[in-house]
Amino acid sequence: MNEELRLYSYWRSSAAYRVRIGLNLKGLAYETVPVHLLRDGGEQFAPEYAATNPQKLVPVLQHGQRLFRQSLAILEYVDEVWPSPPLLPATSRERQRVRALAQLVAADIHPLNNLRVMRFLEQDWNVPQPERDVWIRHWITEGFNAFESLLRDHPATDTFCDGHMPTIADCCLVPQVYNARRFGLDMARWPTIAAIEQACLELPEFRDAAPDRQPDAPQQS
């Protein structure tokens, strides 16, 4: 499997951030193809990108001539093709728990707060920015309350969401914590989540995937 990897990404996309973490944990080299979600109304709507992903979303992973979409499906593909180190635990029960945690973020928290929802609230319903921020904080809070409860005192929770090695659950959690901080949420309310985030960010694979380290991130003055 020596075919080139290319990741269509946006520096601040949570879904792309997840995949960057996963690729880094696997030690895989990849080319970043920036897709600016705001410039010129959104480069994801350009016909050439829509041909790559009809959903007009990032990320897309290109492996050789094949295109893969949806961040969790990409992470599982990467885990199957390059099984070491694993992003899922060994047993079916453990894998179910990790998948459930990952989907709590990717299917329940993130879709309510992503760019296209915020754009609709602003442009179609004229919802002011302060109210949109309340919406975002509300749904992150609801999700993190549940996530914290599922982690706290569970015997599988350790340094990471499941044991001593990062999994797809951690790949999803860290970008969502980044978003929570962007919108002013105090992570002290969720001490287990905060401790796992800190452990993740001690690893270069997580740090190098961070938004401000991406080639398309705005240059700091």
N, C-alpha and C. Protein backbone atom coordinates (compact mmCIF):
# COMPACT_ATOMS: atom_id res chain seq x y z
N MET A 1 0.85 -1.20 0.00
CA MET A 1 0.00 0.00 0.00
C MET A 1 0.88 1.25 0.00
N ASN A 2 1.65 1.43 -1.07
CA ASN A 2 2.57 2.56 -1.15
C ASN A 2 2.00 3.72 -1.96
N GLU A 3 0.71 3.64 -2.30
CA GLU A 3 0.11 4.72 -3.07
C GLU A 3 0.04 6.00 -2.24
N GLU A 4 0.12 7.11 -2.92
CA GLU A 4 0.15 8.41 -2.25
C GLU A 4 -1.17 8.71 -1.57
N LEU A 5 -1.06 9.35 -0.41
CA LEU A 5 -2.24 9.81 0.34
C LEU A 5 -2.36 11.32 0.19
N ARG A 6 -3.58 11.76 -0.06
CA ARG A 6 -3.85 13.19 -0.19
C ARG A 6 -5.12 13.49 0.62
N LEU A 7 -5.03 14.48 1.50
CA LEU A 7 -6.17 14.82 2.36
C LEU A 7 -6.71 16.19 1.98
N TYR A 8 -7.94 16.22 1.52
CA TYR A 8 -8.64 17.48 1.28
C TYR A 8 -9.16 17.96 2.63
N SER A 9 -8.70 19.13 3.04
CA SER A 9 -8.84 19.54 4.43
C SER A 9 -9.05 21.04 4.52
N TYR A 10 -9.60 21.47 5.65
CA TYR A 10 -9.66 22.88 6.02
C TYR A 10 -9.08 22.98 7.43
N TRP A 11 -8.24 23.95 7.65
CA TRP A 11 -7.47 23.98 8.89
C TRP A 11 -8.33 23.90 10.15
N ARG A 12 -9.53 24.49 10.13
CA ARG A 12 -10.35 24.53 11.35
C ARG A 12 -11.51 23.56 11.31
N SER A 13 -11.57 22.70 10.34
CA SER A 13 -12.61 21.69 10.28
C SER A 13 -12.38 20.61 11.33
N SER A 14 -13.38 20.38 12.18
CA SER A 14 -13.25 19.34 13.19
C SER A 14 -13.11 17.97 12.56
N ALA A 15 -13.88 17.72 11.50
CA ALA A 15 -13.86 16.40 10.87
C ALA A 15 -12.50 16.14 10.23
N ALA A 16 -11.93 17.15 9.56
CA ALA A 16 -10.60 16.98 8.99
C ALA A 16 -9.54 16.82 10.09
N TYR A 17 -9.71 17.54 11.17
CA TYR A 17 -8.80 17.46 12.32
C TYR A 17 -8.75 16.01 12.83
N ARG A 18 -9.92 15.36 12.93
CA ARG A 18 -9.95 13.96 13.38
C ARG A 18 -9.08 13.08 12.50
N VAL A 19 -9.24 13.25 11.20
CA VAL A 19 -8.51 12.40 10.27
C VAL A 19 -7.02 12.70 10.32
N ARG A 20 -6.65 13.97 10.45
CA ARG A 20 -5.23 14.30 10.58
C ARG A 20 -4.61 13.59 11.78
N ILE A 21 -5.33 13.58 12.90
CA ILE A 21 -4.82 12.88 14.08
C ILE A 21 -4.61 11.40 13.77
N GLY A 22 -5.63 10.79 13.16
CA GLY A 22 -5.53 9.37 12.86
C GLY A 22 -4.37 9.04 11.93
N LEU A 23 -4.19 9.84 10.89
CA LEU A 23 -3.08 9.62 9.97
C LEU A 23 -1.74 9.78 10.68
N ASN A 24 -1.66 10.78 11.57
CA ASN A 24 -0.42 10.98 12.32
C ASN A 24 -0.13 9.82 13.26
N LEU A 25 -1.18 9.32 13.92
CA LEU A 25 -0.98 8.19 14.83
C LEU A 25 -0.48 6.96 14.09
N LYS A 26 -0.88 6.83 12.84
CA LYS A 26 -0.41 5.71 12.01
C LYS A 26 0.98 5.96 11.42
N GLY A 27 1.48 7.18 11.58
CA GLY A 27 2.78 7.50 11.00
C GLY A 27 2.76 7.60 9.50
N LEU A 28 1.62 7.99 8.94
CA LEU A 28 1.45 8.04 7.48
C LEU A 28 1.72 9.45 6.96
N ALA A 29 2.51 9.55 5.93
CA ALA A 29 2.75 10.83 5.25
C ALA A 29 1.60 11.10 4.29
N TYR A 30 1.19 12.34 4.22
CA TYR A 30 0.10 12.70 3.31
C TYR A 30 0.27 14.15 2.87
N GLU A 31 -0.28 14.42 1.70
CA GLU A 31 -0.30 15.79 1.18
C GLU A 31 -1.61 16.44 1.57
N THR A 32 -1.53 17.66 2.09
CA THR A 32 -2.74 18.41 2.41
C THR A 32 -3.16 19.23 1.19
N VAL A 33 -4.42 19.08 0.81
CA VAL A 33 -5.02 19.89 -0.25
C VAL A 33 -6.03 20.81 0.42
N PRO A 34 -5.70 22.09 0.62
CA PRO A 34 -6.62 22.97 1.34
C PRO A 34 -7.89 23.25 0.54
N VAL A 35 -9.01 23.21 1.25
CA VAL A 35 -10.31 23.60 0.70
C VAL A 35 -10.85 24.66 1.65
N HIS A 36 -10.80 25.92 1.24
CA HIS A 36 -11.20 27.01 2.14
C HIS A 36 -12.72 27.09 2.19
N LEU A 37 -13.27 26.86 3.37
CA LEU A 37 -14.72 26.77 3.50
C LEU A 37 -15.41 28.12 3.54
N LEU A 38 -14.65 29.22 3.56
CA LEU A 38 -15.24 30.55 3.64
C LEU A 38 -14.91 31.41 2.43
N ARG A 39 -13.73 31.24 1.86
CA ARG A 39 -13.28 32.11 0.76
C ARG A 39 -14.21 32.00 -0.44
N ASP A 40 -14.56 33.14 -1.01
CA ASP A 40 -15.39 33.19 -2.22
C ASP A 40 -16.70 32.42 -2.04
N GLY A 41 -17.25 32.52 -0.86
CA GLY A 41 -18.51 31.81 -0.58
C GLY A 41 -18.34 30.35 -0.23
N GLY A 42 -17.08 29.87 -0.24
CA GLY A 42 -16.81 28.48 0.11
C GLY A 42 -16.32 27.69 -1.08
N GLU A 43 -15.04 27.32 -1.05
CA GLU A 43 -14.46 26.57 -2.17
C GLU A 43 -15.05 25.17 -2.30
N GLN A 44 -15.70 24.68 -1.24
CA GLN A 44 -16.32 23.36 -1.30
C GLN A 44 -17.50 23.32 -2.27
N PHE A 45 -18.01 24.50 -2.64
CA PHE A 45 -19.16 24.54 -3.56
C PHE A 45 -18.73 24.62 -5.03
N ALA A 46 -17.44 24.76 -5.27
CA ALA A 46 -16.96 24.82 -6.65
C ALA A 46 -17.21 23.49 -7.34
N PRO A 47 -17.57 23.51 -8.63
CA PRO A 47 -17.91 22.26 -9.33
C PRO A 47 -16.82 21.21 -9.26
N GLU A 48 -15.55 21.63 -9.34
CA GLU A 48 -14.48 20.64 -9.34
C GLU A 48 -14.38 19.93 -7.99
N TYR A 49 -14.66 20.66 -6.88
CA TYR A 49 -14.63 19.97 -5.60
C TYR A 49 -15.91 19.16 -5.39
N ALA A 50 -17.04 19.67 -5.83
CA ALA A 50 -18.28 18.91 -5.71
C ALA A 50 -18.19 17.58 -6.45
N ALA A 51 -17.37 17.52 -7.50
CA ALA A 51 -17.15 16.25 -8.18
C ALA A 51 -16.36 15.29 -7.31
N THR A 52 -15.52 15.84 -6.44
CA THR A 52 -14.74 15.02 -5.50
C THR A 52 -15.61 14.53 -4.35
N ASN A 53 -16.45 15.42 -3.85
CA ASN A 53 -17.38 15.05 -2.78
C ASN A 53 -18.73 15.72 -3.03
N PRO A 54 -19.73 15.00 -3.50
CA PRO A 54 -21.04 15.59 -3.77
C PRO A 54 -21.69 16.22 -2.55
N GLN A 55 -21.26 15.84 -1.33
CA GLN A 55 -21.79 16.48 -0.12
C GLN A 55 -21.22 17.88 0.09
N LYS A 56 -20.15 18.20 -0.65
CA LYS A 56 -19.50 19.51 -0.52
C LYS A 56 -19.01 19.75 0.91
N LEU A 57 -18.37 18.73 1.44
CA LEU A 57 -17.83 18.77 2.79
C LEU A 57 -16.39 18.27 2.77
N VAL A 58 -15.63 18.65 3.80
CA VAL A 58 -14.33 18.03 4.06
C VAL A 58 -14.49 17.18 5.32
N PRO A 59 -13.62 16.16 5.44
CA PRO A 59 -12.48 15.82 4.61
C PRO A 59 -12.84 14.82 3.52
N VAL A 60 -11.94 14.70 2.56
CA VAL A 60 -11.89 13.59 1.62
C VAL A 60 -10.46 13.07 1.64
N LEU A 61 -10.31 11.77 1.75
CA LEU A 61 -8.98 11.16 1.68
C LEU A 61 -8.85 10.48 0.32
N GLN A 62 -7.83 10.86 -0.41
CA GLN A 62 -7.51 10.19 -1.68
C GLN A 62 -6.34 9.26 -1.45
N HIS A 63 -6.56 7.98 -1.74
CA HIS A 63 -5.51 6.97 -1.62
C HIS A 63 -5.30 6.39 -3.01
N GLY A 64 -4.22 6.80 -3.65
CA GLY A 64 -4.05 6.44 -5.05
C GLY A 64 -5.13 7.11 -5.88
N GLN A 65 -5.91 6.33 -6.59
CA GLN A 65 -6.99 6.87 -7.42
C GLN A 65 -8.35 6.80 -6.71
N ARG A 66 -8.39 6.30 -5.50
CA ARG A 66 -9.66 6.11 -4.81
C ARG A 66 -9.92 7.24 -3.83
N LEU A 67 -11.18 7.60 -3.71
CA LEU A 67 -11.61 8.69 -2.83
C LEU A 67 -12.47 8.13 -1.70
N PHE A 68 -12.18 8.59 -0.48
CA PHE A 68 -12.92 8.13 0.69
C PHE A 68 -13.47 9.34 1.44
N ARG A 69 -14.71 9.22 1.89
CA ARG A 69 -15.43 10.34 2.49
C ARG A 69 -15.95 9.93 3.87
N GLN A 70 -16.34 10.92 4.65
CA GLN A 70 -16.86 10.76 6.02
C GLN A 70 -15.74 10.38 6.98
N SER A 71 -15.49 11.24 7.94
CA SER A 71 -14.29 11.13 8.77
C SER A 71 -14.19 9.81 9.52
N LEU A 72 -15.29 9.32 10.11
CA LEU A 72 -15.19 8.07 10.86
C LEU A 72 -14.96 6.89 9.93
N ALA A 73 -15.61 6.92 8.77
CA ALA A 73 -15.38 5.85 7.79
C ALA A 73 -13.94 5.89 7.30
N ILE A 74 -13.39 7.09 7.12
CA ILE A 74 -11.98 7.21 6.72
C ILE A 74 -11.08 6.63 7.80
N LEU A 75 -11.34 6.98 9.06
CA LEU A 75 -10.50 6.48 10.14
C LEU A 75 -10.53 4.95 10.22
N GLU A 76 -11.71 4.37 10.02
CA GLU A 76 -11.78 2.91 10.06
C GLU A 76 -11.09 2.29 8.84
N TYR A 77 -11.19 2.92 7.69
CA TYR A 77 -10.46 2.44 6.52
C TYR A 77 -8.96 2.45 6.78
N VAL A 78 -8.48 3.57 7.29
CA VAL A 78 -7.04 3.69 7.59
C VAL A 78 -6.63 2.62 8.60
N ASP A 79 -7.48 2.35 9.58
CA ASP A 79 -7.15 1.36 10.60
C ASP A 79 -7.12 -0.05 10.02
N GLU A 80 -7.96 -0.32 9.03
CA GLU A 80 -7.97 -1.64 8.41
C GLU A 80 -6.77 -1.83 7.47
N VAL A 81 -6.42 -0.79 6.74
CA VAL A 81 -5.33 -0.91 5.77
C VAL A 81 -3.97 -0.89 6.47
N TRP A 82 -3.84 -0.07 7.50
CA TRP A 82 -2.59 0.03 8.28
C TRP A 82 -2.93 -0.31 9.74
N PRO A 83 -2.98 -1.56 10.11
CA PRO A 83 -3.54 -1.96 11.40
C PRO A 83 -2.70 -1.62 12.63
N SER A 84 -1.46 -1.19 12.44
CA SER A 84 -0.61 -0.91 13.60
C SER A 84 -0.08 0.53 13.54
N PRO A 85 -0.20 1.24 14.67
CA PRO A 85 -0.90 0.89 15.90
C PRO A 85 -2.41 0.98 15.72
N PRO A 86 -3.18 0.18 16.42
CA PRO A 86 -4.63 0.14 16.19
C PRO A 86 -5.33 1.39 16.71
N LEU A 87 -6.40 1.78 16.03
CA LEU A 87 -7.25 2.88 16.50
C LEU A 87 -8.53 2.37 17.15
N LEU A 88 -8.69 1.05 17.18
CA LEU A 88 -9.83 0.42 17.84
C LEU A 88 -9.32 -0.68 18.75
N PRO A 89 -9.99 -0.93 19.86
CA PRO A 89 -9.54 -1.98 20.80
C PRO A 89 -9.73 -3.38 20.22
N ALA A 90 -9.34 -4.37 21.01
CA ALA A 90 -9.25 -5.74 20.50
C ALA A 90 -10.58 -6.47 20.47
N THR A 91 -11.47 -6.21 21.44
CA THR A 91 -12.69 -7.02 21.54
C THR A 91 -13.89 -6.27 20.98
N SER A 92 -14.92 -7.02 20.63
CA SER A 92 -16.14 -6.42 20.06
C SER A 92 -16.79 -5.45 21.04
N ARG A 93 -16.84 -5.82 22.32
CA ARG A 93 -17.47 -4.94 23.31
C ARG A 93 -16.68 -3.65 23.48
N GLU A 94 -15.37 -3.75 23.52
CA GLU A 94 -14.54 -2.55 23.64
C GLU A 94 -14.68 -1.67 22.40
N ARG A 95 -14.70 -2.30 21.21
CA ARG A 95 -14.85 -1.52 19.97
C ARG A 95 -16.20 -0.83 19.93
N GLN A 96 -17.24 -1.48 20.42
CA GLN A 96 -18.56 -0.84 20.43
C GLN A 96 -18.55 0.41 21.30
N ARG A 97 -17.91 0.32 22.46
CA ARG A 97 -17.86 1.48 23.35
C ARG A 97 -17.10 2.63 22.70
N VAL A 98 -15.96 2.33 22.09
CA VAL A 98 -15.16 3.37 21.46
C VAL A 98 -15.92 4.00 20.30
N ARG A 99 -16.56 3.17 19.48
CA ARG A 99 -17.36 3.72 18.38
C ARG A 99 -18.49 4.59 18.90
N ALA A 100 -19.13 4.17 19.98
CA ALA A 100 -20.23 4.96 20.54
C ALA A 100 -19.73 6.33 21.01
N LEU A 101 -18.58 6.36 21.67
CA LEU A 101 -18.02 7.64 22.10
C LEU A 101 -17.68 8.52 20.91
N ALA A 102 -17.07 7.92 19.89
CA ALA A 102 -16.72 8.70 18.70
C ALA A 102 -17.97 9.26 18.03
N GLN A 103 -19.02 8.45 17.94
CA GLN A 103 -20.23 8.91 17.27
C GLN A 103 -21.00 9.92 18.11
N LEU A 104 -20.84 9.86 19.44
CA LEU A 104 -21.47 10.89 20.27
C LEU A 104 -21.00 12.27 19.83
N VAL A 105 -19.72 12.38 19.51
CA VAL A 105 -19.17 13.65 19.00
C VAL A 105 -19.56 13.85 17.54
N ALA A 106 -19.22 12.86 16.71
CA ALA A 106 -19.31 13.05 15.26
C ALA A 106 -20.74 13.07 14.76
N ALA A 107 -21.66 12.36 15.43
CA ALA A 107 -23.04 12.29 14.96
C ALA A 107 -24.00 13.15 15.75
N ASP A 108 -23.67 13.46 17.02
CA ASP A 108 -24.63 14.15 17.88
C ASP A 108 -24.24 15.58 18.23
N ILE A 109 -22.97 15.84 18.51
CA ILE A 109 -22.56 17.21 18.87
C ILE A 109 -22.21 18.01 17.63
N HIS A 110 -21.25 17.53 16.86
CA HIS A 110 -20.68 18.31 15.78
C HIS A 110 -21.69 18.72 14.69
N PRO A 111 -22.60 17.84 14.23
CA PRO A 111 -23.49 18.25 13.15
C PRO A 111 -24.39 19.44 13.49
N LEU A 112 -24.69 19.62 14.77
CA LEU A 112 -25.54 20.75 15.16
C LEU A 112 -24.80 22.07 15.18
N ASN A 113 -23.48 22.02 15.09
CA ASN A 113 -22.68 23.22 15.26
C ASN A 113 -21.75 23.51 14.08
N ASN A 114 -21.84 22.71 13.02
CA ASN A 114 -20.86 22.90 11.96
C ASN A 114 -21.22 24.10 11.08
N LEU A 115 -20.33 24.41 10.17
CA LEU A 115 -20.41 25.66 9.41
C LEU A 115 -21.70 25.79 8.62
N ARG A 116 -22.14 24.71 7.98
CA ARG A 116 -23.34 24.86 7.13
C ARG A 116 -24.59 25.12 7.96
N VAL A 117 -24.65 24.57 9.19
CA VAL A 117 -25.78 24.88 10.07
C VAL A 117 -25.71 26.33 10.50
N MET A 118 -24.52 26.80 10.90
CA MET A 118 -24.38 28.19 11.31
C MET A 118 -24.69 29.15 10.16
N ARG A 119 -24.27 28.78 8.95
CA ARG A 119 -24.55 29.62 7.78
C ARG A 119 -26.06 29.69 7.52
N PHE A 120 -26.76 28.57 7.68
CA PHE A 120 -28.21 28.56 7.48
C PHE A 120 -28.90 29.43 8.52
N LEU A 121 -28.50 29.28 9.79
CA LEU A 121 -29.12 30.10 10.84
C LEU A 121 -28.91 31.59 10.58
N GLU A 122 -27.73 31.93 10.08
CA GLU A 122 -27.43 33.34 9.83
C GLU A 122 -28.11 33.85 8.57
N GLN A 123 -27.96 33.14 7.47
CA GLN A 123 -28.39 33.68 6.17
C GLN A 123 -29.86 33.45 5.89
N ASP A 124 -30.43 32.34 6.35
CA ASP A 124 -31.82 32.03 6.04
C ASP A 124 -32.78 32.47 7.15
N TRP A 125 -32.34 32.40 8.39
CA TRP A 125 -33.22 32.76 9.49
C TRP A 125 -32.81 34.04 10.20
N ASN A 126 -31.70 34.65 9.75
CA ASN A 126 -31.24 35.92 10.32
C ASN A 126 -31.02 35.85 11.83
N VAL A 127 -30.50 34.73 12.30
CA VAL A 127 -30.23 34.58 13.73
C VAL A 127 -28.94 35.34 14.04
N PRO A 128 -28.97 36.29 15.00
CA PRO A 128 -27.76 37.07 15.31
C PRO A 128 -26.66 36.20 15.91
N GLN A 129 -25.42 36.70 15.81
CA GLN A 129 -24.26 35.95 16.30
C GLN A 129 -24.38 35.55 17.77
N PRO A 130 -24.82 36.43 18.70
CA PRO A 130 -24.90 36.00 20.10
C PRO A 130 -25.81 34.80 20.30
N GLU A 131 -26.94 34.78 19.58
CA GLU A 131 -27.85 33.64 19.71
C GLU A 131 -27.26 32.38 19.09
N ARG A 132 -26.51 32.54 18.00
CA ARG A 132 -25.86 31.38 17.40
C ARG A 132 -24.81 30.81 18.35
N ASP A 133 -24.10 31.68 19.04
CA ASP A 133 -23.10 31.21 20.01
C ASP A 133 -23.76 30.47 21.16
N VAL A 134 -24.93 30.93 21.61
CA VAL A 134 -25.66 30.23 22.67
C VAL A 134 -26.05 28.84 22.18
N TRP A 135 -26.52 28.75 20.95
CA TRP A 135 -26.87 27.46 20.35
C TRP A 135 -25.67 26.51 20.39
N ILE A 136 -24.52 26.99 19.94
CA ILE A 136 -23.33 26.14 19.91
C ILE A 136 -22.96 25.68 21.31
N ARG A 137 -22.91 26.61 22.25
CA ARG A 137 -22.52 26.23 23.61
C ARG A 137 -23.51 25.25 24.23
N HIS A 138 -24.78 25.43 23.93
CA HIS A 138 -25.80 24.53 24.49
C HIS A 138 -25.57 23.10 24.05
N TRP A 139 -25.37 22.89 22.76
CA TRP A 139 -25.26 21.51 22.26
C TRP A 139 -23.93 20.88 22.61
N ILE A 140 -22.87 21.66 22.69
CA ILE A 140 -21.61 21.10 23.18
C ILE A 140 -21.76 20.70 24.65
N THR A 141 -22.40 21.55 25.43
CA THR A 141 -22.60 21.25 26.85
C THR A 141 -23.41 19.98 27.04
N GLU A 142 -24.51 19.86 26.30
CA GLU A 142 -25.33 18.65 26.39
C GLU A 142 -24.50 17.41 26.06
N GLY A 143 -23.74 17.49 24.98
CA GLY A 143 -22.94 16.34 24.58
C GLY A 143 -21.83 16.02 25.55
N PHE A 144 -21.14 17.05 26.04
CA PHE A 144 -20.04 16.82 26.97
C PHE A 144 -20.54 16.30 28.32
N ASN A 145 -21.72 16.72 28.74
CA ASN A 145 -22.27 16.16 29.98
C ASN A 145 -22.43 14.65 29.85
N ALA A 146 -22.92 14.20 28.70
CA ALA A 146 -23.09 12.77 28.47
C ALA A 146 -21.74 12.07 28.33
N PHE A 147 -20.83 12.70 27.58
CA PHE A 147 -19.51 12.09 27.36
C PHE A 147 -18.77 11.92 28.68
N GLU A 148 -18.79 12.96 29.50
CA GLU A 148 -18.13 12.89 30.81
C GLU A 148 -18.71 11.77 31.65
N SER A 149 -20.05 11.64 31.63
CA SER A 149 -20.69 10.58 32.40
C SER A 149 -20.28 9.20 31.92
N LEU A 150 -20.14 9.04 30.61
CA LEU A 150 -19.75 7.75 30.05
C LEU A 150 -18.29 7.40 30.36
N LEU A 151 -17.46 8.42 30.51
CA LEU A 151 -16.06 8.20 30.84
C LEU A 151 -15.84 7.98 32.34
N ARG A 152 -16.50 8.80 33.14
CA ARG A 152 -16.22 8.85 34.58
C ARG A 152 -16.51 7.50 35.24
N ASP A 153 -15.53 6.99 35.95
CA ASP A 153 -15.65 5.76 36.73
C ASP A 153 -15.85 4.51 35.88
N HIS A 154 -15.74 4.63 34.55
CA HIS A 154 -15.82 3.42 33.74
C HIS A 154 -14.48 2.70 33.79
N PRO A 155 -14.47 1.40 33.98
CA PRO A 155 -13.19 0.70 34.15
C PRO A 155 -12.27 0.77 32.93
N ALA A 156 -12.82 1.01 31.75
CA ALA A 156 -11.98 1.08 30.55
C ALA A 156 -11.32 2.44 30.37
N THR A 157 -11.85 3.47 31.04
CA THR A 157 -11.27 4.81 30.92
C THR A 157 -9.95 4.86 31.67
N ASP A 158 -8.92 5.36 30.99
CA ASP A 158 -7.61 5.43 31.63
C ASP A 158 -6.94 6.72 31.18
N THR A 159 -5.72 6.66 30.71
CA THR A 159 -5.05 7.84 30.18
C THR A 159 -5.85 8.44 29.04
N PHE A 160 -6.43 7.56 28.23
CA PHE A 160 -7.24 7.99 27.08
C PHE A 160 -8.66 7.49 27.27
N CYS A 161 -9.49 7.73 26.29
CA CYS A 161 -10.90 7.34 26.43
C CYS A 161 -11.06 5.86 26.68
N ASP A 162 -10.12 5.07 26.14
CA ASP A 162 -10.17 3.63 26.34
C ASP A 162 -8.74 3.13 26.53
N GLY A 163 -8.35 2.98 27.76
CA GLY A 163 -7.05 2.39 28.05
C GLY A 163 -5.87 3.33 27.87
N HIS A 164 -4.73 2.74 27.50
CA HIS A 164 -3.46 3.46 27.47
C HIS A 164 -3.05 3.92 26.07
N MET A 165 -3.89 3.66 25.07
CA MET A 165 -3.57 4.03 23.69
C MET A 165 -4.71 4.86 23.11
N PRO A 166 -4.41 5.87 22.32
CA PRO A 166 -5.48 6.66 21.70
C PRO A 166 -6.27 5.81 20.70
N THR A 167 -7.55 6.10 20.63
CA THR A 167 -8.45 5.43 19.70
C THR A 167 -9.19 6.49 18.88
N ILE A 168 -10.11 6.03 18.04
CA ILE A 168 -10.91 6.99 17.27
C ILE A 168 -11.74 7.88 18.19
N ALA A 169 -12.04 7.42 19.40
CA ALA A 169 -12.77 8.28 20.35
C ALA A 169 -11.95 9.52 20.69
N ASP A 170 -10.66 9.35 20.93
CA ASP A 170 -9.78 10.48 21.23
C ASP A 170 -9.60 11.36 19.99
N CYS A 171 -9.54 10.72 18.82
CA CYS A 171 -9.43 11.49 17.57
C CYS A 171 -10.62 12.43 17.40
N CYS A 172 -11.79 12.02 17.87
CA CYS A 172 -12.99 12.86 17.77
C CYS A 172 -13.09 13.86 18.92
N LEU A 173 -12.68 13.43 20.11
CA LEU A 173 -12.86 14.28 21.29
C LEU A 173 -12.01 15.54 21.24
N VAL A 174 -10.73 15.40 20.91
CA VAL A 174 -9.83 16.55 20.97
C VAL A 174 -10.27 17.70 20.07
N PRO A 175 -10.68 17.46 18.81
CA PRO A 175 -11.18 18.59 18.00
C PRO A 175 -12.43 19.23 18.59
N GLN A 176 -13.28 18.43 19.23
CA GLN A 176 -14.48 19.02 19.81
C GLN A 176 -14.15 19.88 21.03
N VAL A 177 -13.14 19.48 21.79
CA VAL A 177 -12.70 20.32 22.91
C VAL A 177 -12.11 21.63 22.37
N TYR A 178 -11.38 21.54 21.28
CA TYR A 178 -10.86 22.76 20.63
C TYR A 178 -12.02 23.71 20.31
N ASN A 179 -13.11 23.17 19.76
CA ASN A 179 -14.26 24.01 19.46
C ASN A 179 -14.90 24.58 20.72
N ALA A 180 -14.98 23.76 21.75
CA ALA A 180 -15.56 24.23 23.01
C ALA A 180 -14.78 25.42 23.55
N ARG A 181 -13.48 25.35 23.50
CA ARG A 181 -12.66 26.47 23.98
C ARG A 181 -12.86 27.70 23.09
N ARG A 182 -12.97 27.49 21.78
CA ARG A 182 -13.21 28.63 20.87
C ARG A 182 -14.45 29.42 21.28
N PHE A 183 -15.46 28.72 21.79
CA PHE A 183 -16.71 29.38 22.12
C PHE A 183 -16.86 29.63 23.62
N GLY A 184 -15.74 29.62 24.33
CA GLY A 184 -15.71 30.12 25.70
C GLY A 184 -16.21 29.18 26.77
N LEU A 185 -16.28 27.89 26.49
CA LEU A 185 -16.72 26.95 27.52
C LEU A 185 -15.57 26.60 28.45
N ASP A 186 -15.86 26.54 29.73
CA ASP A 186 -14.86 26.24 30.75
C ASP A 186 -14.77 24.72 30.89
N MET A 187 -13.64 24.14 30.47
CA MET A 187 -13.49 22.70 30.49
C MET A 187 -13.35 22.13 31.90
N ALA A 188 -13.21 23.00 32.91
CA ALA A 188 -13.17 22.51 34.29
C ALA A 188 -14.46 21.79 34.67
N ARG A 189 -15.53 22.05 33.94
CA ARG A 189 -16.81 21.40 34.21
C ARG A 189 -16.75 19.91 33.89
N TRP A 190 -15.77 19.52 33.06
CA TRP A 190 -15.68 18.12 32.60
C TRP A 190 -14.26 17.63 32.86
N PRO A 191 -13.91 17.33 34.10
CA PRO A 191 -12.51 17.06 34.44
C PRO A 191 -11.94 15.81 33.75
N THR A 192 -12.75 14.80 33.52
CA THR A 192 -12.22 13.60 32.86
C THR A 192 -11.88 13.91 31.41
N ILE A 193 -12.78 14.61 30.73
CA ILE A 193 -12.51 15.02 29.35
C ILE A 193 -11.25 15.88 29.30
N ALA A 194 -11.15 16.83 30.22
CA ALA A 194 -10.00 17.75 30.22
C ALA A 194 -8.70 17.00 30.44
N ALA A 195 -8.71 16.00 31.32
CA ALA A 195 -7.49 15.24 31.59
C ALA A 195 -7.09 14.41 30.37
N ILE A 196 -8.05 13.85 29.68
CA ILE A 196 -7.74 13.06 28.48
C ILE A 196 -7.23 13.98 27.38
N GLU A 197 -7.84 15.15 27.21
CA GLU A 197 -7.34 16.09 26.22
C GLU A 197 -5.88 16.44 26.50
N GLN A 198 -5.55 16.71 27.77
CA GLN A 198 -4.17 17.06 28.13
C GLN A 198 -3.21 15.93 27.78
N ALA A 199 -3.61 14.69 28.07
CA ALA A 199 -2.77 13.54 27.74
C ALA A 199 -2.57 13.41 26.24
N CYS A 200 -3.64 13.66 25.48
CA CYS A 200 -3.53 13.59 24.02
C CYS A 200 -2.57 14.65 23.49
N LEU A 201 -2.70 15.86 24.00
CA LEU A 201 -1.89 16.96 23.49
C LEU A 201 -0.42 16.87 23.90
N GLU A 202 -0.10 15.93 24.76
CA GLU A 202 1.30 15.66 25.05
C GLU A 202 1.96 14.84 23.94
N LEU A 203 1.14 14.28 23.05
CA LEU A 203 1.67 13.47 21.96
C LEU A 203 1.85 14.33 20.71
N PRO A 204 2.99 14.22 20.03
CA PRO A 204 3.21 15.04 18.84
C PRO A 204 2.20 14.78 17.73
N GLU A 205 1.65 13.57 17.69
CA GLU A 205 0.67 13.26 16.64
C GLU A 205 -0.58 14.12 16.78
N PHE A 206 -0.96 14.43 18.00
CA PHE A 206 -2.11 15.32 18.23
C PHE A 206 -1.70 16.77 18.03
N ARG A 207 -0.55 17.15 18.54
CA ARG A 207 -0.11 18.55 18.42
C ARG A 207 0.08 18.94 16.96
N ASP A 208 0.66 18.03 16.17
CA ASP A 208 0.92 18.37 14.77
C ASP A 208 -0.36 18.44 13.94
N ALA A 209 -1.43 17.85 14.43
CA ALA A 209 -2.71 17.90 13.72
C ALA A 209 -3.52 19.15 14.06
N ALA A 210 -3.06 19.94 15.03
CA ALA A 210 -3.82 21.09 15.51
C ALA A 210 -4.07 22.10 14.39
N PRO A 211 -5.19 22.79 14.46
CA PRO A 211 -5.53 23.75 13.40
C PRO A 211 -4.44 24.76 13.10
N ASP A 212 -3.84 25.36 14.13
CA ASP A 212 -2.88 26.44 13.87
C ASP A 212 -1.57 25.94 13.29
N ARG A 213 -1.38 24.62 13.18
CA ARG A 213 -0.17 24.06 12.59
C ARG A 213 -0.38 23.60 11.14
N GLN A 214 -1.54 23.90 10.59
CA GLN A 214 -1.83 23.43 9.23
C GLN A 214 -1.34 24.44 8.20
N PRO A 215 -0.96 23.97 7.01
CA PRO A 215 -0.40 24.88 6.00
C PRO A 215 -1.38 25.96 5.54
N ASP A 216 -2.68 25.72 5.69
CA ASP A 216 -3.65 26.73 5.27
C ASP A 216 -4.15 27.59 6.42
N ALA A 217 -3.58 27.42 7.61
CA ALA A 217 -3.98 28.27 8.74
C ALA A 217 -3.52 29.69 8.50
N PRO A 218 -4.30 30.67 8.95
CA PRO A 218 -3.86 32.07 8.80
C PRO A 218 -2.52 32.30 9.48
N GLN A 219 -1.68 33.05 8.84
CA GLN A 219 -0.36 33.36 9.40
C GLN A 219 -0.51 34.28 10.61
N GLN A 220 0.19 33.92 11.68
CA GLN A 220 0.16 34.76 12.87
C GLN A 220 1.11 35.93 12.71
N SER A 221 0.63 37.12 13.04
CA SER A 221 1.48 38.31 12.93
C SER A 221 2.33 38.47 14.18
